[in-house]
Amino acid sequence: MMEFDQAQAQLAEAAGALTRRETLPLAQLAGRVLAQDLQAALDLPPADNSAMDGYALRAADYAAGRKLPLMAERIYAGLAPQPLSPGHAARLFTGSLMPEGADTVIMQEDAHEADGSVTFLQAPTPGQHIRRRGEDTRAGEPLIAAGTVLQAAHIALLASQGIAQAQVYARLRVGILTTGDELVAPGQPRALQQIYNSNGAMLAAMATGMGAEVPLVLHALDDEASLKQAFEQLLQACDLVLSVGGVSVGERDLVKPVLESMGASLVLWKVRMKPGKPVALAQACGKPLVCLPGNPVSAFSVFTVLVSPLVRRMQGRRDIFPATPLVALRTERTRRDGREEFLRVQYRAGDFPELHPYRNQSSGVMSSLPWADGLARLPYDTDIPDGTPVRYYDYRLWQR
């Protein structure tokens, strides 16, 4: 079996970023991965402006109790002001351009206006309450790096620069193949010996939750011809193919021999992890094909910690591996297993955050999936006393 860290790294390097790109308007950029470094197009603010409703003046003109005559013009945001006459003040508002000659703003709460003049109630600090040109961004400086997943904050920044569109990577197309004679589609009649197929819908939801497209979700019987036809269809239509089940060593586990018959090169098989040992990585038609275990809990865990870095890599993201902080595990575990174990846990915040495992860690317990917030990673052949810090794989990070 391959060590988990080695398998994770190898899977993450199984393919590079997509070469397909598209240019989209601002309204369509949310959740997309930026495909080019962007630089600031202009200084922000583009000119000195007031940070307050108040009065602009020369600091040198201030004196305690002195009345300064007001310019006739009231300066609103969006207006180009006249220069400030010496010994005068100008009424202005938040976002108003500073008139030429003014170097200070006194907010209206610290002023008294009457009969066309203004008296200030306290001495100003020269330069106060002014937003300086370029203090936010300067033209030509880096703005957003390629590989960034664009969110509302990035889109606001682009819009503030007058940038109306950006080049992003095309959406990754993920194809899914479930296998097994015992599986029935949800909503269909089921015989006693059959179970409903939860893997297809689950993995499709996980892939779309990461911003990928899922153009095909197919099912194949435990039959070589059925498997081969499905693989060929998926490899033609998709960038990344995930198969579920049929990858172990039983008589009906036909995925591995079918792939080999298609000329696929198997570069990884079996990982030292629990749940999820029967994992395989193949290259077929120049595309990565990851074979997941058929157990839904195992497939869920393997996608989270092994497949998601590959998805991010192919999407062109900068950050491939999310953080895995050390958090205290509230359980006593005596371990003589030769595999690293990934427990379904809830994260409980507080002064000392804790991880609480689900009561039943059997890989067949589906109810643990919506209950858990993430996975706690336990080293193999190592006893874990209660309160031991372990690595935590937060679903909010690892499934996005």
Protein backbone atom coordinates (compact mmCIF):
# COMPACT_ATOMS: atom_id res chain seq x y z
CA MET A 1 0.00 0.00 0.00
CA MET A 2 1.12 3.53 -0.75
CA GLU A 3 1.54 5.98 2.13
CA PHE A 4 -1.29 8.51 2.31
CA ASP A 5 0.88 11.62 1.88
CA GLN A 6 2.60 10.12 -1.13
CA ALA A 7 -0.72 9.14 -2.70
CA GLN A 8 -2.19 12.58 -2.05
CA ALA A 9 0.80 14.30 -3.66
CA GLN A 10 0.79 11.93 -6.64
CA LEU A 11 -2.92 12.42 -7.25
CA ALA A 12 -2.56 16.20 -7.02
CA GLU A 13 0.09 16.09 -9.75
CA ALA A 14 -1.84 13.74 -12.04
CA ALA A 15 -2.86 16.61 -14.34
CA GLY A 16 -2.17 20.29 -14.81
CA ALA A 17 -4.54 23.20 -15.14
CA LEU A 18 -6.94 23.20 -18.05
CA THR A 19 -5.78 25.00 -21.17
CA ARG A 20 -9.33 26.08 -22.04
CA ARG A 21 -10.10 29.64 -21.01
CA GLU A 22 -12.93 32.10 -21.51
CA THR A 23 -13.53 35.79 -20.95
CA LEU A 24 -16.59 36.61 -18.88
CA PRO A 25 -18.31 39.80 -17.70
CA LEU A 26 -18.33 40.75 -14.01
CA ALA A 27 -21.81 39.34 -13.45
CA GLN A 28 -20.60 35.82 -14.36
CA LEU A 29 -17.27 35.74 -12.53
CA ALA A 30 -18.39 34.61 -9.07
CA GLY A 31 -16.83 31.26 -8.21
CA ARG A 32 -14.62 31.17 -11.30
CA VAL A 33 -10.83 30.80 -11.25
CA LEU A 34 -8.86 33.73 -12.61
CA ALA A 35 -6.57 32.68 -15.46
CA GLN A 36 -4.31 35.75 -15.63
CA ASP A 37 -2.54 38.08 -13.24
CA LEU A 38 -4.35 41.40 -13.10
CA GLN A 39 -2.78 44.79 -12.38
CA ALA A 40 -4.48 47.92 -11.13
CA ALA A 41 -5.64 50.10 -14.01
CA LEU A 42 -5.79 53.33 -12.00
CA ASP A 43 -5.01 54.91 -8.68
CA LEU A 44 -7.67 54.47 -5.99
CA PRO A 45 -8.82 56.89 -4.84
CA PRO A 46 -8.18 58.61 -8.19
CA ALA A 47 -7.77 61.97 -6.39
CA ASP A 48 -7.62 63.27 -2.83
CA ASN A 49 -11.13 63.34 -1.36
CA SER A 50 -12.86 63.95 1.93
CA ALA A 51 -13.45 61.10 4.36
CA MET A 52 -16.07 63.13 6.24
CA ASP A 53 -18.94 65.55 5.86
CA GLY A 54 -17.37 68.83 6.94
CA TYR A 55 -15.20 71.72 5.83
CA ALA A 56 -12.01 71.94 3.80
CA LEU A 57 -9.40 74.53 4.74
CA ARG A 58 -5.71 75.28 4.91
CA ALA A 59 -4.50 74.16 8.31
CA ALA A 60 -2.39 77.32 8.49
CA ASP A 61 -5.57 79.44 8.35
CA TYR A 62 -6.95 77.96 11.55
CA ALA A 63 -6.90 79.95 14.77
CA ALA A 64 -8.96 79.41 17.89
CA GLY A 65 -12.22 81.34 17.59
CA ARG A 66 -11.40 82.66 14.13
CA LYS A 67 -14.21 82.84 11.61
CA LEU A 68 -13.38 81.75 8.08
CA PRO A 69 -15.65 82.94 5.29
CA LEU A 70 -17.19 80.13 3.26
CA MET A 71 -16.78 79.73 -0.46
CA ALA A 72 -20.11 80.11 -2.22
CA GLU A 73 -19.75 76.68 -3.78
CA ARG A 74 -20.88 73.62 -1.81
CA ILE A 75 -18.79 70.67 -2.96
CA TYR A 76 -20.77 67.47 -3.46
CA ALA A 77 -19.37 64.09 -4.50
CA GLY A 78 -19.14 64.03 -8.28
CA LEU A 79 -18.43 67.74 -8.70
CA ALA A 80 -15.12 69.28 -9.79
CA PRO A 81 -14.47 72.05 -7.20
CA GLN A 82 -12.98 75.48 -7.70
CA PRO A 83 -9.64 76.23 -5.98
CA LEU A 84 -9.92 77.28 -2.34
CA SER A 85 -9.33 81.02 -1.84
CA PRO A 86 -6.74 81.87 0.85
CA GLY A 87 -8.26 82.42 4.26
CA HIS A 88 -11.49 80.68 3.30
CA ALA A 89 -13.14 77.35 4.00
CA ALA A 90 -15.34 75.21 1.74
CA ARG A 91 -18.33 73.10 2.70
CA LEU A 92 -17.91 69.56 1.39
CA PHE A 93 -19.19 66.04 1.95
CA THR A 94 -17.91 62.47 2.16
CA GLY A 95 -16.35 61.50 -1.15
CA SER A 96 -16.07 65.10 -2.39
CA LEU A 97 -12.86 66.00 -4.18
CA MET A 98 -10.53 68.23 -2.18
CA PRO A 99 -10.36 71.72 -3.68
CA GLU A 100 -6.93 72.83 -4.79
CA GLY A 101 -5.18 74.63 -1.92
CA ALA A 102 -6.99 72.79 0.90
CA ASP A 103 -4.95 70.38 3.01
CA THR A 104 -7.25 69.49 5.92
CA VAL A 105 -10.87 68.55 6.64
CA ILE A 106 -12.71 69.34 9.87
CA MET A 107 -15.86 67.31 10.33
CA GLN A 108 -19.15 69.15 10.70
CA GLU A 109 -19.60 68.06 14.34
CA ASP A 110 -16.55 70.17 15.24
CA ALA A 111 -17.72 73.30 13.45
CA HIS A 112 -20.33 76.04 13.78
CA GLU A 113 -21.61 77.65 10.60
CA ALA A 114 -23.50 80.98 10.62
CA ASP A 115 -23.94 84.00 8.34
CA GLY A 116 -21.69 82.65 5.57
CA SER A 117 -18.72 81.82 7.77
CA VAL A 118 -17.59 78.94 9.93
CA THR A 119 -15.89 78.71 13.33
CA PHE A 120 -14.08 75.56 14.38
CA LEU A 121 -14.46 74.19 17.88
CA GLN A 122 -11.11 72.42 18.13
CA ALA A 123 -7.73 72.59 16.49
CA PRO A 124 -7.25 70.24 13.52
CA THR A 125 -4.32 68.00 12.77
CA PRO A 126 -2.95 69.02 9.37
CA GLY A 127 -3.99 66.49 6.71
CA GLN A 128 -6.74 64.90 8.78
CA HIS A 129 -9.84 63.20 7.28
CA ILE A 130 -8.47 63.08 3.74
CA ARG A 131 -8.34 59.96 1.60
CA ARG A 132 -5.16 60.36 -0.40
CA ARG A 133 -4.86 59.52 -4.07
CA GLY A 134 -3.58 55.98 -4.53
CA GLU A 135 -3.63 55.07 -0.83
CA ASP A 136 -5.71 51.99 -1.68
CA THR A 137 -4.21 50.88 -5.00
CA ARG A 138 -1.80 52.41 -7.49
CA ALA A 139 -1.96 51.95 -11.24
CA GLY A 140 0.32 49.16 -12.43
CA GLU A 141 0.58 47.40 -9.07
CA PRO A 142 -0.56 43.74 -8.69
CA LEU A 143 -4.29 43.55 -8.12
CA ILE A 144 -5.42 39.89 -8.15
CA ALA A 145 -3.19 36.87 -8.88
CA ALA A 146 -4.01 34.14 -11.37
CA GLY A 147 -5.44 31.07 -9.66
CA THR A 148 -7.67 33.07 -7.34
CA VAL A 149 -11.24 31.83 -6.94
CA LEU A 150 -13.18 35.03 -7.54
CA GLN A 151 -15.73 36.01 -4.93
CA ALA A 152 -17.83 39.12 -4.34
CA ALA A 153 -14.91 40.99 -2.75
CA HIS A 154 -12.68 40.41 -5.80
CA ILE A 155 -15.48 41.43 -8.16
CA ALA A 156 -15.98 44.64 -6.19
CA LEU A 157 -12.28 45.40 -6.55
CA LEU A 158 -12.37 44.76 -10.30
CA ALA A 159 -15.43 46.98 -10.71
CA SER A 160 -13.76 49.76 -8.73
CA GLN A 161 -10.95 49.69 -11.29
CA GLY A 162 -13.36 49.94 -14.20
CA ILE A 163 -12.52 46.37 -15.26
CA ALA A 164 -15.68 44.97 -16.84
CA GLN A 165 -14.48 41.46 -17.71
CA ALA A 166 -11.74 38.96 -16.94
CA GLN A 167 -10.23 35.79 -18.35
CA VAL A 168 -10.97 32.65 -16.33
CA TYR A 169 -10.33 28.94 -16.70
CA ALA A 170 -13.14 26.96 -18.30
CA ARG A 171 -15.12 24.88 -15.86
CA LEU A 172 -13.60 21.49 -15.16
CA ARG A 173 -15.76 18.69 -16.58
CA VAL A 174 -15.97 15.74 -14.19
CA GLY A 175 -17.54 12.48 -15.32
CA ILE A 176 -18.79 9.90 -12.83
CA LEU A 177 -19.24 6.16 -13.27
CA THR A 178 -20.90 3.98 -10.66
CA THR A 179 -20.68 0.21 -10.96
CA GLY A 180 -22.44 -2.83 -9.57
CA ASP A 181 -25.31 -5.16 -10.41
CA GLU A 182 -26.81 -4.55 -6.96
CA LEU A 183 -27.45 -0.83 -7.45
CA VAL A 184 -30.80 0.73 -8.33
CA ALA A 185 -31.45 4.38 -9.16
CA PRO A 186 -33.29 6.32 -6.44
CA GLY A 187 -37.01 6.47 -7.14
CA GLN A 188 -37.08 3.09 -8.87
CA PRO A 189 -38.53 -0.16 -7.46
CA ARG A 190 -35.98 -2.11 -5.40
CA ALA A 191 -35.72 -5.84 -4.77
CA LEU A 192 -34.53 -7.20 -1.43
CA GLN A 193 -31.07 -7.97 -2.76
CA GLN A 194 -30.60 -4.48 -4.17
CA ILE A 195 -29.59 -1.13 -2.70
CA TYR A 196 -30.09 2.41 -3.92
CA ASN A 197 -27.22 4.09 -5.74
CA SER A 198 -26.15 6.99 -3.53
CA ASN A 199 -22.64 7.40 -4.94
CA GLY A 200 -23.60 8.98 -8.25
CA ALA A 201 -25.68 11.79 -6.77
CA MET A 202 -23.25 12.28 -3.88
CA LEU A 203 -20.13 12.65 -6.03
CA ALA A 204 -21.92 14.86 -8.54
CA ALA A 205 -22.91 17.16 -5.68
CA MET A 206 -19.34 17.19 -4.34
CA ALA A 207 -17.88 18.04 -7.73
CA THR A 208 -20.40 20.81 -8.46
CA GLY A 209 -19.85 22.13 -4.94
CA MET A 210 -16.24 22.72 -5.95
CA GLY A 211 -17.27 24.65 -9.05
CA ALA A 212 -16.93 21.84 -11.58
CA GLU A 213 -19.44 20.71 -14.18
CA VAL A 214 -20.74 17.12 -14.22
CA PRO A 215 -21.94 16.48 -17.78
CA LEU A 216 -22.32 12.72 -17.32
CA VAL A 217 -23.20 10.39 -14.45
CA LEU A 218 -23.30 6.83 -15.82
CA HIS A 219 -23.88 3.42 -14.30
CA ALA A 220 -22.37 0.18 -15.55
CA LEU A 221 -23.13 -3.39 -14.63
CA ASP A 222 -20.40 -5.76 -13.49
CA ASP A 223 -19.66 -6.63 -17.08
CA GLU A 224 -16.53 -5.84 -19.07
CA ALA A 225 -18.38 -4.63 -22.17
CA SER A 226 -20.63 -2.34 -20.12
CA LEU A 227 -17.67 -0.90 -18.22
CA LYS A 228 -15.59 -0.32 -21.34
CA GLN A 229 -18.40 1.45 -23.16
CA ALA A 230 -19.04 3.71 -20.18
CA PHE A 231 -15.36 4.57 -19.72
CA GLU A 232 -14.99 5.43 -23.41
CA GLN A 233 -18.01 7.72 -23.30
CA LEU A 234 -16.80 9.50 -20.16
CA LEU A 235 -13.23 9.93 -21.37
CA GLN A 236 -14.47 11.52 -24.58
CA ALA A 237 -16.71 14.06 -22.83
CA CYS A 238 -14.84 14.88 -19.61
CA ASP A 239 -11.51 16.19 -18.30
CA LEU A 240 -11.48 14.01 -15.18
CA VAL A 241 -13.26 10.69 -14.66
CA LEU A 242 -14.21 9.22 -11.29
CA SER A 243 -15.35 5.62 -11.07
CA VAL A 244 -16.87 4.11 -7.94
CA GLY A 245 -16.62 0.45 -7.00
CA GLY A 246 -15.21 -2.59 -8.73
CA VAL A 247 -11.61 -1.67 -8.01
CA SER A 248 -10.77 -4.21 -5.31
CA VAL A 249 -9.65 -7.81 -5.89
CA GLY A 250 -12.90 -9.77 -5.96
CA GLU A 251 -14.09 -11.89 -8.89
CA ARG A 252 -16.53 -9.17 -9.95
CA ASP A 253 -14.09 -6.28 -9.49
CA LEU A 254 -13.48 -5.67 -13.18
CA VAL A 255 -12.48 -2.02 -13.35
CA LYS A 256 -8.73 -2.63 -13.21
CA PRO A 257 -8.60 -5.29 -15.98
CA VAL A 258 -10.96 -3.27 -18.20
CA LEU A 259 -8.77 -0.18 -17.90
CA GLU A 260 -5.66 -2.22 -18.66
CA SER A 261 -7.39 -3.69 -21.73
CA MET A 262 -8.03 -0.11 -22.90
CA GLY A 263 -4.33 0.71 -22.66
CA ALA A 264 -4.68 2.80 -19.53
CA SER A 265 -1.59 3.02 -17.35
CA LEU A 266 -2.26 2.35 -13.67
CA VAL A 267 0.05 4.56 -11.62
CA LEU A 268 -1.38 4.08 -8.14
CA TRP A 269 -3.33 1.29 -6.46
CA LYS A 270 -4.23 0.89 -2.78
CA VAL A 271 -3.56 3.57 -0.17
CA ARG A 272 -2.69 3.09 3.49
CA MET A 273 -5.90 4.73 4.76
CA LYS A 274 -9.16 3.74 6.45
CA PRO A 275 -11.76 4.03 5.11
CA GLY A 276 -10.74 4.02 1.48
CA LYS A 277 -7.88 1.58 0.88
CA PRO A 278 -8.94 0.46 -2.62
CA VAL A 279 -8.09 3.63 -4.54
CA ALA A 280 -6.52 3.65 -7.98
CA LEU A 281 -5.20 6.31 -10.33
CA ALA A 282 -4.91 5.67 -14.04
CA GLN A 283 -4.05 7.74 -17.09
CA ALA A 284 -6.29 7.06 -20.08
CA CYS A 285 -6.51 9.08 -23.32
CA GLY A 286 -4.24 11.66 -21.68
CA LYS A 287 -6.71 12.22 -18.86
CA PRO A 288 -6.66 11.24 -15.18
CA LEU A 289 -9.09 8.56 -14.05
CA VAL A 290 -9.51 8.00 -10.32
CA CYS A 291 -11.13 4.80 -9.09
CA LEU A 292 -12.82 5.16 -5.71
CA PRO A 293 -14.04 2.45 -3.33
CA GLY A 294 -17.70 1.52 -3.74
CA ASN A 295 -18.68 2.11 -0.14
CA PRO A 296 -20.32 5.59 -0.08
CA VAL A 297 -18.66 6.64 3.20
CA SER A 298 -15.29 5.58 1.82
CA ALA A 299 -15.89 7.33 -1.50
CA PHE A 300 -16.96 10.49 0.36
CA SER A 301 -13.78 10.49 2.47
CA VAL A 302 -11.47 9.69 -0.44
CA PHE A 303 -12.93 12.46 -2.58
CA THR A 304 -12.46 14.91 0.29
CA VAL A 305 -8.82 14.26 1.09
CA LEU A 306 -7.39 12.70 -2.10
CA VAL A 307 -9.43 13.85 -5.09
CA SER A 308 -10.19 17.45 -4.15
CA PRO A 309 -6.53 18.62 -4.50
CA LEU A 310 -6.48 17.21 -8.05
CA VAL A 311 -9.74 19.03 -8.83
CA ARG A 312 -8.25 22.30 -7.60
CA ARG A 313 -5.07 21.75 -9.61
CA MET A 314 -7.02 21.14 -12.80
CA GLN A 315 -9.19 24.18 -12.14
CA GLY A 316 -6.05 26.31 -12.11
CA ARG A 317 -6.29 27.34 -8.47
CA ARG A 318 -3.26 28.65 -6.59
CA ASP A 319 -4.14 26.99 -3.28
CA ILE A 320 -4.29 23.22 -3.73
CA PHE A 321 -4.06 21.93 -0.17
CA PRO A 322 -6.23 23.65 2.46
CA ALA A 323 -5.01 23.97 6.03
CA THR A 324 -5.15 21.01 8.43
CA PRO A 325 -4.87 22.49 11.93
CA LEU A 326 -4.10 20.42 15.00
CA VAL A 327 -7.20 20.04 17.20
CA ALA A 328 -7.73 17.96 20.36
CA LEU A 329 -9.56 14.68 19.72
CA ARG A 330 -12.00 13.73 22.47
CA THR A 331 -11.72 9.98 22.43
CA GLU A 332 -9.50 7.14 23.56
CA ARG A 333 -8.22 5.03 20.69
CA THR A 334 -5.99 1.99 20.90
CA ARG A 335 -4.67 1.42 17.40
CA ARG A 336 -2.99 -1.63 15.96
CA ASP A 337 -4.15 -0.97 12.42
CA GLY A 338 -1.55 -0.59 9.69
CA ARG A 339 -3.54 2.19 8.02
CA GLU A 340 -4.08 5.83 8.86
CA GLU A 341 -7.68 6.34 9.97
CA PHE A 342 -9.94 9.24 9.08
CA LEU A 343 -12.69 9.63 11.69
CA ARG A 344 -15.90 11.51 10.99
CA VAL A 345 -15.98 14.23 13.63
CA GLN A 346 -17.79 17.35 14.74
CA TYR A 347 -15.74 20.47 15.46
CA ARG A 348 -16.74 22.20 18.67
CA ALA A 349 -15.36 25.68 19.13
CA GLY A 350 -14.42 27.36 22.38
CA ASP A 351 -11.35 28.48 24.27
CA PHE A 352 -9.96 25.01 23.52
CA PRO A 353 -11.53 23.62 20.32
CA GLU A 354 -12.30 19.90 20.27
CA LEU A 355 -13.14 17.16 17.80
CA HIS A 356 -15.90 14.71 18.78
CA PRO A 357 -16.14 11.48 16.75
CA TYR A 358 -19.41 10.00 15.53
CA ARG A 359 -20.54 7.16 17.78
CA ASN A 360 -20.22 4.52 15.05
CA GLN A 361 -17.25 4.76 12.68
CA SER A 362 -18.25 1.80 10.52
CA SER A 363 -17.79 2.67 6.87
CA GLY A 364 -21.37 1.60 6.22
CA VAL A 365 -22.95 4.24 8.48
CA MET A 366 -24.36 6.84 6.10
CA SER A 367 -25.95 8.93 8.87
CA SER A 368 -22.45 10.01 9.94
CA LEU A 369 -21.95 12.02 6.74
CA PRO A 370 -24.37 14.93 7.31
CA TRP A 371 -23.61 14.83 11.06
CA ALA A 372 -19.88 15.45 10.67
CA ASP A 373 -18.03 18.73 10.04
CA GLY A 374 -14.83 17.09 8.87
CA LEU A 375 -12.31 14.30 9.28
CA ALA A 376 -9.76 13.69 12.02
CA ARG A 377 -6.59 11.97 10.80
CA LEU A 378 -5.10 9.33 13.11
CA PRO A 379 -1.64 7.84 12.48
CA TYR A 380 -1.41 4.09 12.12
CA ASP A 381 -0.17 1.76 14.88
CA THR A 382 -0.22 4.63 17.38
CA ASP A 383 -2.35 4.84 20.52
CA ILE A 384 -4.33 8.07 20.78
CA PRO A 385 -4.98 9.17 24.39
CA ASP A 386 -8.02 11.38 24.99
CA GLY A 387 -7.22 15.00 24.13
CA THR A 388 -4.41 14.23 21.67
CA PRO A 389 -4.04 16.93 18.96
CA VAL A 390 -4.65 15.45 15.51
CA ARG A 391 -4.90 16.88 12.00
CA TYR A 392 -8.37 18.17 11.14
CA TYR A 393 -9.73 18.22 7.57
CA ASP A 394 -12.55 20.75 7.64
CA TYR A 395 -15.24 20.03 5.03
CA ARG A 396 -15.81 23.77 4.59
CA LEU A 397 -12.25 23.99 3.24
CA TRP A 398 -11.61 20.57 1.74
CA GLN A 399 -14.87 20.29 -0.19
CA ARG A 400 -14.67 23.76 -1.77
